[in-house]
Amino acid sequence: MNKKIFIITLTLIAILITGCATTATVSRIASDEVVDLSGRWNDTDSRLTAEYMIDSLLGGRWLNKFIEAEGRAPVVIVGYISNRSSEHIETKTFTKDIERELVNSGEVIFVANSDERLQLRDEKLDQQGNATEESMAALAAETGADVMLIGVFTSQTDAVEGKKVTLYTVDMEMIDIETNQKIWIDSKDIKKAVERSKSSW
């Protein structure tokens, strides 16, 4: 009798587990398609903000003034992009969006950031003892940057009764490395509203 009860119990448990199991449906979508599930900062926000900033940057008066004064395109480096918002934002993704737009514009000369330079310097040092004299990269032959682009993410959130509005602000500045003069500043806001059936923030 006890054996039958045990088998029936196991069967019921198996049925319950099977009934509670969920299945996931995965579909591929275009990488540039706008998908916003959580209302948080996402890849679309990063791309749109980067495009706006580069349009503003390359359309600024500083660029023509520099070219007129120096007779060449400025050498640009992206510095630190800090996150002071209320949520985790992958600033490296945004930085890469900025770098890609700058390089592809053809309007400026772009050089490696500090982390990338360390890797390149290690490679150049390794070449000194392992590569042929004709093929090795020369030491102390780097192109120095004229200007540095830095930025900061901030956010403000207002929430009540299942509704939430978050304002993301990205502030960016271009600074002359030699003089420390700020030669370009702009800001981009993205506001998102999310409504849930029950308050969960």
N, C-alpha and C. Protein backbone atom coordinates (compact mmCIF):
# COMPACT_ATOMS: atom_id res chain seq x y z
N MET A 1 0.84 -1.21 0.00
CA MET A 1 0.00 0.00 0.00
C MET A 1 0.87 1.26 0.00
N ASN A 2 1.89 1.22 0.89
CA ASN A 2 2.81 2.35 0.98
C ASN A 2 3.56 2.57 -0.33
N LYS A 3 3.85 1.44 -1.03
CA LYS A 3 4.56 1.54 -2.31
C LYS A 3 3.70 2.23 -3.36
N LYS A 4 2.39 1.90 -3.36
CA LYS A 4 1.48 2.51 -4.31
C LYS A 4 1.35 4.01 -4.06
N ILE A 5 1.25 4.37 -2.78
CA ILE A 5 1.14 5.80 -2.42
C ILE A 5 2.40 6.55 -2.85
N PHE A 6 3.55 5.91 -2.67
CA PHE A 6 4.82 6.52 -3.04
C PHE A 6 4.88 6.76 -4.55
N ILE A 7 4.45 5.75 -5.34
CA ILE A 7 4.47 5.86 -6.80
C ILE A 7 3.49 6.95 -7.26
N ILE A 8 2.31 6.98 -6.66
CA ILE A 8 1.32 7.99 -7.01
C ILE A 8 1.84 9.38 -6.68
N THR A 9 2.49 9.52 -5.53
CA THR A 9 3.06 10.81 -5.12
C THR A 9 4.13 11.28 -6.11
N LEU A 10 5.01 10.36 -6.50
CA LEU A 10 6.05 10.70 -7.47
C LEU A 10 5.44 11.11 -8.80
N THR A 11 4.39 10.40 -9.21
CA THR A 11 3.72 10.72 -10.47
C THR A 11 3.11 12.11 -10.43
N LEU A 12 2.45 12.42 -9.32
CA LEU A 12 1.84 13.74 -9.17
C LEU A 12 2.89 14.84 -9.18
N ILE A 13 4.00 14.59 -8.51
CA ILE A 13 5.09 15.57 -8.48
C ILE A 13 5.63 15.80 -9.89
N ALA A 14 5.80 14.71 -10.64
CA ALA A 14 6.30 14.82 -12.02
C ALA A 14 5.34 15.62 -12.89
N ILE A 15 4.04 15.38 -12.70
CA ILE A 15 3.03 16.11 -13.47
C ILE A 15 3.07 17.59 -13.13
N LEU A 16 3.20 17.90 -11.83
CA LEU A 16 3.26 19.30 -11.40
C LEU A 16 4.49 20.01 -11.97
N ILE A 17 5.62 19.32 -11.93
CA ILE A 17 6.86 19.92 -12.45
C ILE A 17 6.74 20.17 -13.95
N THR A 18 6.19 19.18 -14.66
CA THR A 18 6.01 19.31 -16.10
C THR A 18 5.04 20.44 -16.43
N GLY A 19 3.98 20.53 -15.64
CA GLY A 19 2.98 21.58 -15.88
C GLY A 19 3.50 22.97 -15.60
N CYS A 20 4.43 23.08 -14.66
CA CYS A 20 4.98 24.39 -14.30
C CYS A 20 6.15 24.79 -15.19
N ALA A 21 6.67 23.86 -15.95
CA ALA A 21 7.82 24.17 -16.80
C ALA A 21 7.42 25.19 -17.86
N THR A 22 8.34 26.09 -18.14
CA THR A 22 8.10 27.10 -19.15
C THR A 22 9.03 26.88 -20.34
N THR A 23 8.58 27.27 -21.50
CA THR A 23 9.40 27.15 -22.69
C THR A 23 9.73 28.55 -23.20
N ALA A 24 10.89 28.67 -23.77
CA ALA A 24 11.34 29.96 -24.29
C ALA A 24 11.35 29.92 -25.81
N THR A 25 10.88 30.99 -26.40
CA THR A 25 10.91 31.13 -27.85
C THR A 25 11.95 32.19 -28.20
N VAL A 26 12.90 31.82 -29.03
CA VAL A 26 13.97 32.73 -29.42
C VAL A 26 13.84 33.02 -30.90
N SER A 27 13.92 34.28 -31.23
CA SER A 27 13.88 34.68 -32.64
C SER A 27 14.97 35.71 -32.90
N ARG A 28 15.52 35.68 -34.08
CA ARG A 28 16.56 36.64 -34.44
C ARG A 28 15.93 37.90 -35.02
N ILE A 29 16.48 39.05 -34.63
CA ILE A 29 15.98 40.32 -35.12
C ILE A 29 17.15 41.14 -35.64
N ALA A 30 16.85 42.17 -36.39
CA ALA A 30 17.90 43.04 -36.92
C ALA A 30 18.63 43.73 -35.77
N SER A 31 19.95 43.86 -35.90
CA SER A 31 20.75 44.44 -34.82
C SER A 31 20.41 45.90 -34.56
N ASP A 32 19.85 46.59 -35.58
CA ASP A 32 19.50 48.00 -35.39
C ASP A 32 18.02 48.20 -35.06
N GLU A 33 17.30 47.10 -34.84
CA GLU A 33 15.89 47.21 -34.47
C GLU A 33 15.77 47.69 -33.04
N VAL A 34 14.85 48.61 -32.79
CA VAL A 34 14.67 49.17 -31.45
C VAL A 34 13.84 48.20 -30.62
N VAL A 35 14.44 47.67 -29.54
CA VAL A 35 13.76 46.80 -28.60
C VAL A 35 14.01 47.33 -27.20
N ASP A 36 12.96 47.69 -26.50
CA ASP A 36 13.10 48.26 -25.17
C ASP A 36 12.19 47.51 -24.21
N LEU A 37 12.75 46.54 -23.50
CA LEU A 37 11.95 45.67 -22.63
C LEU A 37 11.85 46.20 -21.20
N SER A 38 12.94 46.73 -20.68
CA SER A 38 12.97 47.13 -19.27
C SER A 38 12.82 48.62 -19.05
N GLY A 39 13.07 49.42 -20.08
CA GLY A 39 13.07 50.86 -19.90
C GLY A 39 14.41 51.40 -19.45
N ARG A 40 15.38 50.52 -19.28
CA ARG A 40 16.72 50.95 -18.87
C ARG A 40 17.54 51.34 -20.11
N TRP A 41 18.69 51.95 -19.84
CA TRP A 41 19.61 52.33 -20.92
C TRP A 41 19.98 51.08 -21.71
N ASN A 42 19.95 51.17 -23.04
CA ASN A 42 20.27 49.99 -23.84
C ASN A 42 21.13 50.36 -25.05
N ASP A 43 21.34 49.38 -25.94
CA ASP A 43 22.23 49.58 -27.08
C ASP A 43 21.70 50.64 -28.05
N THR A 44 20.39 50.74 -28.19
CA THR A 44 19.82 51.76 -29.06
C THR A 44 20.10 53.16 -28.52
N ASP A 45 19.95 53.34 -27.21
CA ASP A 45 20.24 54.63 -26.60
C ASP A 45 21.71 55.01 -26.81
N SER A 46 22.58 54.02 -26.65
CA SER A 46 24.02 54.26 -26.82
C SER A 46 24.33 54.70 -28.24
N ARG A 47 23.77 53.99 -29.21
CA ARG A 47 24.05 54.30 -30.62
C ARG A 47 23.50 55.66 -31.02
N LEU A 48 22.25 55.95 -30.62
CA LEU A 48 21.65 57.23 -30.98
C LEU A 48 22.38 58.41 -30.34
N THR A 49 22.80 58.23 -29.09
CA THR A 49 23.52 59.29 -28.39
C THR A 49 24.89 59.52 -29.03
N ALA A 50 25.57 58.43 -29.39
CA ALA A 50 26.88 58.55 -30.03
C ALA A 50 26.75 59.28 -31.36
N GLU A 51 25.74 58.93 -32.14
CA GLU A 51 25.54 59.58 -33.44
C GLU A 51 25.26 61.07 -33.26
N TYR A 52 24.44 61.41 -32.27
CA TYR A 52 24.13 62.82 -32.01
C TYR A 52 25.39 63.58 -31.63
N MET A 53 26.17 63.00 -30.71
CA MET A 53 27.37 63.67 -30.22
C MET A 53 28.38 63.90 -31.34
N ILE A 54 28.56 62.90 -32.19
CA ILE A 54 29.54 63.05 -33.27
C ILE A 54 29.08 64.08 -34.28
N ASP A 55 27.78 64.12 -34.59
CA ASP A 55 27.25 65.15 -35.49
C ASP A 55 27.51 66.54 -34.92
N SER A 56 27.26 66.69 -33.62
CA SER A 56 27.49 67.97 -32.96
C SER A 56 28.98 68.32 -32.92
N LEU A 57 29.79 67.32 -32.60
CA LEU A 57 31.23 67.52 -32.48
C LEU A 57 31.85 67.94 -33.80
N LEU A 58 31.53 67.22 -34.86
CA LEU A 58 32.12 67.50 -36.16
C LEU A 58 31.52 68.73 -36.81
N GLY A 59 30.37 69.16 -36.34
CA GLY A 59 29.75 70.37 -36.86
C GLY A 59 30.09 71.61 -36.06
N GLY A 60 30.90 71.44 -35.02
CA GLY A 60 31.27 72.57 -34.16
C GLY A 60 32.30 73.47 -34.81
N ARG A 61 32.33 74.72 -34.37
CA ARG A 61 33.27 75.71 -34.93
C ARG A 61 34.71 75.36 -34.61
N TRP A 62 34.95 74.64 -33.52
CA TRP A 62 36.31 74.33 -33.10
C TRP A 62 37.09 73.59 -34.19
N LEU A 63 36.38 72.73 -34.95
CA LEU A 63 37.07 71.91 -35.95
C LEU A 63 37.65 72.76 -37.07
N ASN A 64 36.86 73.67 -37.61
CA ASN A 64 37.36 74.55 -38.67
C ASN A 64 38.46 75.47 -38.16
N LYS A 65 38.30 75.95 -36.93
CA LYS A 65 39.32 76.83 -36.35
C LYS A 65 40.65 76.08 -36.20
N PHE A 66 40.57 74.83 -35.77
CA PHE A 66 41.79 74.04 -35.60
C PHE A 66 42.48 73.81 -36.94
N ILE A 67 41.71 73.40 -37.95
CA ILE A 67 42.27 73.13 -39.27
C ILE A 67 42.89 74.38 -39.87
N GLU A 68 42.23 75.54 -39.69
CA GLU A 68 42.77 76.80 -40.20
C GLU A 68 44.07 77.17 -39.50
N ALA A 69 44.14 76.92 -38.20
CA ALA A 69 45.33 77.30 -37.42
C ALA A 69 46.50 76.34 -37.64
N GLU A 70 46.21 75.04 -37.74
CA GLU A 70 47.28 74.04 -37.81
C GLU A 70 47.53 73.51 -39.21
N GLY A 71 46.58 73.72 -40.11
CA GLY A 71 46.75 73.22 -41.47
C GLY A 71 46.59 71.72 -41.61
N ARG A 72 45.93 71.10 -40.66
CA ARG A 72 45.72 69.65 -40.69
C ARG A 72 44.53 69.29 -39.80
N ALA A 73 44.10 68.05 -39.91
CA ALA A 73 43.00 67.57 -39.06
C ALA A 73 43.52 67.33 -37.64
N PRO A 74 42.68 67.53 -36.63
CA PRO A 74 43.12 67.30 -35.25
C PRO A 74 43.25 65.81 -34.93
N VAL A 75 44.15 65.50 -34.04
CA VAL A 75 44.32 64.13 -33.55
C VAL A 75 43.51 63.99 -32.27
N VAL A 76 42.57 63.05 -32.26
CA VAL A 76 41.61 62.92 -31.17
C VAL A 76 41.82 61.63 -30.40
N ILE A 77 41.62 61.69 -29.10
CA ILE A 77 41.61 60.49 -28.27
C ILE A 77 40.39 60.56 -27.36
N VAL A 78 39.77 59.42 -27.12
CA VAL A 78 38.64 59.36 -26.18
C VAL A 78 39.19 59.02 -24.81
N GLY A 79 38.91 59.89 -23.85
CA GLY A 79 39.35 59.66 -22.48
C GLY A 79 38.32 58.88 -21.69
N TYR A 80 38.20 59.21 -20.41
CA TYR A 80 37.34 58.45 -19.50
C TYR A 80 35.89 58.90 -19.63
N ILE A 81 34.99 57.94 -19.85
CA ILE A 81 33.56 58.19 -19.83
C ILE A 81 33.03 57.59 -18.54
N SER A 82 32.64 58.43 -17.58
CA SER A 82 32.23 57.93 -16.27
C SER A 82 30.72 57.75 -16.18
N ASN A 83 30.31 56.84 -15.31
CA ASN A 83 28.89 56.56 -15.10
C ASN A 83 28.50 56.98 -13.69
N ARG A 84 27.73 58.06 -13.59
CA ARG A 84 27.21 58.51 -12.30
C ARG A 84 25.69 58.39 -12.25
N SER A 85 25.17 57.52 -13.09
CA SER A 85 23.72 57.30 -13.11
C SER A 85 23.34 56.32 -12.00
N SER A 86 22.04 56.06 -11.90
CA SER A 86 21.54 55.19 -10.84
C SER A 86 21.57 53.71 -11.21
N GLU A 87 22.04 53.37 -12.40
CA GLU A 87 22.07 51.97 -12.82
C GLU A 87 23.39 51.67 -13.52
N HIS A 88 23.62 50.37 -13.71
CA HIS A 88 24.84 49.97 -14.41
C HIS A 88 24.71 50.29 -15.90
N ILE A 89 25.67 51.02 -16.43
CA ILE A 89 25.73 51.31 -17.86
C ILE A 89 27.11 50.91 -18.35
N GLU A 90 27.15 50.11 -19.38
CA GLU A 90 28.42 49.66 -19.95
C GLU A 90 29.00 50.80 -20.79
N THR A 91 29.83 51.62 -20.16
CA THR A 91 30.36 52.80 -20.84
C THR A 91 31.33 52.43 -21.97
N LYS A 92 31.93 51.24 -21.90
CA LYS A 92 32.86 50.84 -22.97
C LYS A 92 32.11 50.66 -24.29
N THR A 93 30.86 50.20 -24.21
CA THR A 93 30.06 50.07 -25.43
C THR A 93 29.83 51.44 -26.05
N PHE A 94 29.50 52.41 -25.21
CA PHE A 94 29.28 53.77 -25.70
C PHE A 94 30.57 54.35 -26.27
N THR A 95 31.68 54.12 -25.58
CA THR A 95 32.98 54.61 -26.06
C THR A 95 33.30 54.05 -27.44
N LYS A 96 33.03 52.78 -27.64
CA LYS A 96 33.30 52.16 -28.94
C LYS A 96 32.38 52.74 -30.02
N ASP A 97 31.13 53.06 -29.65
CA ASP A 97 30.23 53.71 -30.60
C ASP A 97 30.81 55.06 -31.03
N ILE A 98 31.33 55.81 -30.06
CA ILE A 98 31.93 57.11 -30.34
C ILE A 98 33.16 56.95 -31.24
N GLU A 99 34.02 56.02 -30.89
CA GLU A 99 35.23 55.79 -31.67
C GLU A 99 34.89 55.41 -33.11
N ARG A 100 33.93 54.52 -33.28
CA ARG A 100 33.56 54.09 -34.63
C ARG A 100 33.07 55.26 -35.47
N GLU A 101 32.20 56.08 -34.89
CA GLU A 101 31.65 57.22 -35.62
C GLU A 101 32.75 58.22 -35.98
N LEU A 102 33.69 58.45 -35.06
CA LEU A 102 34.79 59.38 -35.32
C LEU A 102 35.69 58.87 -36.44
N VAL A 103 36.08 57.61 -36.35
CA VAL A 103 36.98 57.04 -37.36
C VAL A 103 36.32 57.05 -38.73
N ASN A 104 35.07 56.62 -38.77
CA ASN A 104 34.36 56.51 -40.06
C ASN A 104 34.04 57.87 -40.67
N SER A 105 34.06 58.93 -39.86
CA SER A 105 33.75 60.26 -40.39
C SER A 105 34.85 60.75 -41.33
N GLY A 106 36.09 60.35 -41.08
CA GLY A 106 37.21 60.81 -41.88
C GLY A 106 37.58 62.26 -41.63
N GLU A 107 36.94 62.90 -40.65
CA GLU A 107 37.17 64.32 -40.39
C GLU A 107 38.32 64.56 -39.41
N VAL A 108 38.66 63.55 -38.63
CA VAL A 108 39.71 63.70 -37.63
C VAL A 108 40.65 62.50 -37.70
N ILE A 109 41.82 62.65 -37.08
CA ILE A 109 42.74 61.53 -36.93
C ILE A 109 42.51 60.97 -35.54
N PHE A 110 42.36 59.67 -35.45
CA PHE A 110 42.00 59.06 -34.18
C PHE A 110 43.11 58.15 -33.70
N VAL A 111 43.47 58.24 -32.42
CA VAL A 111 44.55 57.41 -31.89
C VAL A 111 44.03 56.52 -30.76
N ALA A 112 44.80 55.48 -30.45
CA ALA A 112 44.42 54.49 -29.46
C ALA A 112 44.34 55.10 -28.07
N ASN A 113 43.43 54.54 -27.25
CA ASN A 113 43.30 55.02 -25.87
C ASN A 113 44.41 54.44 -25.00
N SER A 114 44.40 54.79 -23.72
CA SER A 114 45.51 54.43 -22.83
C SER A 114 45.67 52.93 -22.68
N ASP A 115 44.57 52.19 -22.56
CA ASP A 115 44.67 50.73 -22.42
C ASP A 115 45.24 50.10 -23.69
N GLU A 116 44.78 50.57 -24.83
CA GLU A 116 45.26 50.04 -26.10
C GLU A 116 46.73 50.36 -26.32
N ARG A 117 47.14 51.56 -25.91
CA ARG A 117 48.55 51.95 -26.08
C ARG A 117 49.48 51.04 -25.29
N LEU A 118 49.08 50.60 -24.11
CA LEU A 118 49.91 49.70 -23.32
C LEU A 118 50.15 48.39 -24.06
N GLN A 119 49.11 47.87 -24.69
CA GLN A 119 49.27 46.64 -25.47
C GLN A 119 50.20 46.86 -26.65
N LEU A 120 50.04 47.99 -27.32
CA LEU A 120 50.88 48.29 -28.48
C LEU A 120 52.34 48.48 -28.09
N ARG A 121 52.57 49.12 -26.95
CA ARG A 121 53.94 49.34 -26.50
C ARG A 121 54.60 48.01 -26.13
N ASP A 122 53.85 47.11 -25.52
CA ASP A 122 54.39 45.78 -25.21
C ASP A 122 54.79 45.07 -26.50
N GLU A 123 53.94 45.18 -27.53
CA GLU A 123 54.24 44.54 -28.80
C GLU A 123 55.49 45.15 -29.43
N LYS A 124 55.61 46.48 -29.37
CA LYS A 124 56.79 47.13 -29.96
C LYS A 124 58.07 46.73 -29.24
N LEU A 125 57.99 46.62 -27.91
CA LEU A 125 59.16 46.18 -27.15
C LEU A 125 59.53 44.75 -27.50
N ASP A 126 58.53 43.91 -27.68
CA ASP A 126 58.79 42.52 -28.06
C ASP A 126 59.44 42.44 -29.45
N GLN A 127 59.03 43.32 -30.34
CA GLN A 127 59.58 43.32 -31.69
C GLN A 127 61.06 43.69 -31.71
N GLN A 128 61.49 44.50 -30.73
CA GLN A 128 62.88 44.95 -30.73
C GLN A 128 63.86 43.78 -30.67
N GLY A 129 63.45 42.72 -30.02
CA GLY A 129 64.36 41.58 -29.90
C GLY A 129 63.98 40.39 -30.75
N ASN A 130 62.83 40.46 -31.42
CA ASN A 130 62.34 39.29 -32.13
C ASN A 130 61.98 39.52 -33.59
N ALA A 131 61.82 40.75 -34.00
CA ALA A 131 61.47 41.04 -35.40
C ALA A 131 62.71 41.52 -36.16
N THR A 132 62.65 41.42 -37.48
CA THR A 132 63.76 41.91 -38.29
C THR A 132 63.82 43.43 -38.21
N GLU A 133 65.00 43.96 -38.45
CA GLU A 133 65.19 45.41 -38.36
C GLU A 133 64.29 46.15 -39.34
N GLU A 134 64.06 45.54 -40.51
CA GLU A 134 63.24 46.19 -41.53
C GLU A 134 61.76 46.22 -41.15
N SER A 135 61.31 45.22 -40.38
CA SER A 135 59.87 45.12 -40.09
C SER A 135 59.47 45.62 -38.71
N MET A 136 60.44 45.79 -37.80
CA MET A 136 60.05 46.19 -36.43
C MET A 136 59.53 47.62 -36.39
N ALA A 137 58.55 47.84 -35.51
CA ALA A 137 57.99 49.18 -35.30
C ALA A 137 58.95 49.99 -34.45
N ALA A 138 59.12 51.25 -34.82
CA ALA A 138 60.06 52.12 -34.10
C ALA A 138 59.48 52.54 -32.75
N LEU A 139 60.35 52.68 -31.77
CA LEU A 139 59.95 53.20 -30.46
C LEU A 139 59.86 54.72 -30.52
N ALA A 140 59.10 55.30 -29.63
CA ALA A 140 58.96 56.77 -29.52
C ALA A 140 58.56 57.38 -30.86
N ALA A 141 57.65 56.71 -31.58
CA ALA A 141 57.19 57.24 -32.86
C ALA A 141 55.67 57.37 -32.90
N GLU A 142 55.07 57.44 -31.71
CA GLU A 142 53.61 57.52 -31.64
C GLU A 142 53.11 58.90 -32.06
N THR A 143 51.87 58.93 -32.52
CA THR A 143 51.22 60.20 -32.85
C THR A 143 50.52 60.72 -31.60
N GLY A 144 50.94 61.88 -31.14
CA GLY A 144 50.33 62.46 -29.95
C GLY A 144 48.98 63.10 -30.25
N ALA A 145 48.07 62.99 -29.30
CA ALA A 145 46.73 63.57 -29.48
C ALA A 145 46.75 65.07 -29.20
N ASP A 146 45.95 65.81 -29.96
CA ASP A 146 45.77 67.25 -29.74
C ASP A 146 44.65 67.51 -28.74
N VAL A 147 43.60 66.73 -28.84
CA VAL A 147 42.40 66.96 -28.02
C VAL A 147 41.90 65.65 -27.44
N MET A 148 41.21 65.75 -26.29
CA MET A 148 40.65 64.58 -25.63
C MET A 148 39.16 64.78 -25.42
N LEU A 149 38.40 63.72 -25.70
CA LEU A 149 36.96 63.73 -25.52
C LEU A 149 36.63 62.97 -24.25
N ILE A 150 35.96 63.63 -23.31
CA ILE A 150 35.57 62.98 -22.06
C ILE A 150 34.06 63.15 -21.86
N GLY A 151 33.49 62.38 -20.94
CA GLY A 151 32.05 62.49 -20.74
C GLY A 151 31.59 61.87 -19.44
N VAL A 152 30.31 62.08 -19.14
CA VAL A 152 29.72 61.54 -17.91
C VAL A 152 28.24 61.22 -18.15
N PHE A 153 27.80 60.09 -17.60
CA PHE A 153 26.39 59.70 -17.60
C PHE A 153 25.78 60.05 -16.25
N THR A 154 24.61 60.67 -16.26
CA THR A 154 23.84 60.89 -15.03
C THR A 154 22.39 60.52 -15.31
N SER A 155 21.60 60.34 -14.26
CA SER A 155 20.19 60.02 -14.44
C SER A 155 19.37 60.55 -13.28
N GLN A 156 18.09 60.79 -13.56
CA GLN A 156 17.12 61.19 -12.55
C GLN A 156 15.87 60.34 -12.74
N THR A 157 15.34 59.79 -11.66
CA THR A 157 14.18 58.92 -11.75
C THR A 157 13.06 59.42 -10.85
N ASP A 158 11.84 59.40 -11.40
CA ASP A 158 10.64 59.75 -10.65
C ASP A 158 9.67 58.57 -10.80
N ALA A 159 9.21 58.02 -9.68
CA ALA A 159 8.35 56.84 -9.73
C ALA A 159 7.22 56.95 -8.72
N VAL A 160 6.02 56.48 -9.13
CA VAL A 160 4.87 56.44 -8.24
C VAL A 160 3.83 55.48 -8.81
N GLU A 161 3.28 54.61 -7.96
CA GLU A 161 2.17 53.72 -8.29
C GLU A 161 2.35 53.00 -9.63
N GLY A 162 3.49 52.33 -9.77
CA GLY A 162 3.71 51.53 -10.96
C GLY A 162 4.17 52.29 -12.18
N LYS A 163 4.31 53.59 -12.07
CA LYS A 163 4.79 54.39 -13.19
C LYS A 163 6.16 54.97 -12.85
N LYS A 164 7.04 54.95 -13.84
CA LYS A 164 8.40 55.46 -13.62
C LYS A 164 8.87 56.22 -14.84
N VAL A 165 9.49 57.34 -14.61
CA VAL A 165 10.11 58.12 -15.68
C VAL A 165 11.58 58.34 -15.31
N THR A 166 12.46 57.98 -16.23
CA THR A 166 13.89 58.16 -16.00
C THR A 166 14.46 59.06 -17.08
N LEU A 167 15.18 60.07 -16.64
CA LEU A 167 15.87 60.97 -17.56
C LEU A 167 17.35 60.67 -17.52
N TYR A 168 17.89 60.21 -18.65
CA TYR A 168 19.32 59.98 -18.78
C TYR A 168 19.95 61.18 -19.48
N THR A 169 21.05 61.67 -18.92
CA THR A 169 21.76 62.80 -19.51
C THR A 169 23.21 62.40 -19.75
N VAL A 170 23.68 62.62 -20.98
CA VAL A 170 25.08 62.37 -21.31
C VAL A 170 25.71 63.72 -21.64
N ASP A 171 26.69 64.12 -20.84
CA ASP A 171 27.43 65.36 -21.06
C ASP A 171 28.82 65.01 -21.58
N MET A 172 29.23 65.69 -22.66
CA MET A 172 30.54 65.42 -23.22
C MET A 172 31.28 66.73 -23.49
N GLU A 173 32.61 66.66 -23.38
CA GLU A 173 33.46 67.84 -23.57
C GLU A 173 34.70 67.46 -24.37
N MET A 174 35.13 68.37 -25.23
CA MET A 174 36.39 68.23 -25.95
C MET A 174 37.37 69.22 -25.34
N ILE A 175 38.53 68.72 -24.93
CA ILE A 175 39.50 69.55 -24.22
C ILE A 175 40.83 69.54 -24.96
N ASP A 176 41.41 70.72 -25.14
CA ASP A 176 42.74 70.85 -25.73
C ASP A 176 43.76 70.33 -24.71
N ILE A 177 44.50 69.30 -25.09
CA ILE A 177 45.41 68.64 -24.14
C ILE A 177 46.54 69.57 -23.70
N GLU A 178 47.04 70.41 -24.59
CA GLU A 178 48.17 71.27 -24.25
C GLU A 178 47.75 72.43 -23.36
N THR A 179 46.59 73.03 -23.64
CA THR A 179 46.18 74.24 -22.91
C THR A 179 45.11 73.98 -21.85
N ASN A 180 44.51 72.79 -21.85
CA ASN A 180 43.39 72.46 -20.95
C ASN A 180 42.13 73.27 -21.25
N GLN A 181 42.08 73.93 -22.39
CA GLN A 181 40.88 74.70 -22.75
C GLN A 181 39.78 73.77 -23.23
N LYS A 182 38.56 74.04 -22.77
CA LYS A 182 37.40 73.30 -23.24
C LYS A 182 36.93 73.96 -24.53
N ILE A 183 37.01 73.22 -25.64
CA ILE A 183 36.73 73.84 -26.93
C ILE A 183 35.38 73.40 -27.53
N TRP A 184 34.74 72.43 -26.88
CA TRP A 184 33.41 71.99 -27.33
C TRP A 184 32.71 71.29 -26.18
N ILE A 185 31.42 71.59 -26.00
CA ILE A 185 30.60 70.96 -24.96
C ILE A 185 29.22 70.73 -25.53
N ASP A 186 28.65 69.56 -25.25
CA ASP A 186 27.26 69.31 -25.63
C ASP A 186 26.65 68.29 -24.67
N SER A 187 25.33 68.21 -24.73
CA SER A 187 24.60 67.34 -23.83
C SER A 187 23.46 66.68 -24.59
N LYS A 188 23.16 65.44 -24.25
CA LYS A 188 22.07 64.70 -24.88
C LYS A 188 21.19 64.07 -23.80
N ASP A 189 19.89 64.32 -23.87
CA ASP A 189 18.93 63.75 -22.92
C ASP A 189 18.11 62.66 -23.59
N ILE A 190 17.87 61.60 -22.86
CA ILE A 190 16.93 60.55 -23.28
C ILE A 190 16.00 60.28 -22.10
N LYS A 191 14.70 60.48 -22.33
CA LYS A 191 13.72 60.28 -21.26
C LYS A 191 12.87 59.05 -21.59
N LYS A 192 12.70 58.18 -20.58
CA LYS A 192 11.94 56.95 -20.77
C LYS A 192 10.86 56.83 -19.71
N ALA A 193 9.68 56.43 -20.15
CA ALA A 193 8.56 56.20 -19.24
C ALA A 193 8.19 54.73 -19.27
N VAL A 194 8.02 54.14 -18.10
CA VAL A 194 7.65 52.74 -17.98
C VAL A 194 6.45 52.64 -17.05
N GLU A 195 5.46 51.84 -17.44
CA GLU A 195 4.28 51.65 -16.60
C GLU A 195 4.06 50.16 -16.38
N ARG A 196 3.92 49.77 -15.13
CA ARG A 196 3.67 48.37 -14.79
C ARG A 196 2.32 48.25 -14.09
N SER A 197 1.79 47.01 -14.10
CA SER A 197 0.49 46.80 -13.46
C SER A 197 0.55 46.98 -11.96
N LYS A 198 1.70 46.62 -11.37
CA LYS A 198 1.90 46.79 -9.95
C LYS A 198 3.24 47.47 -9.72
N SER A 199 3.30 48.27 -8.69
CA SER A 199 4.55 48.98 -8.40
C SER A 199 5.62 47.98 -7.99
N SER A 200 6.81 48.13 -8.60
CA SER A 200 7.89 47.18 -8.28
C SER A 200 9.25 47.86 -8.18
N TRP A 201 9.27 49.19 -8.11
CA TRP A 201 10.56 49.84 -8.00
C TRP A 201 10.86 50.20 -6.55
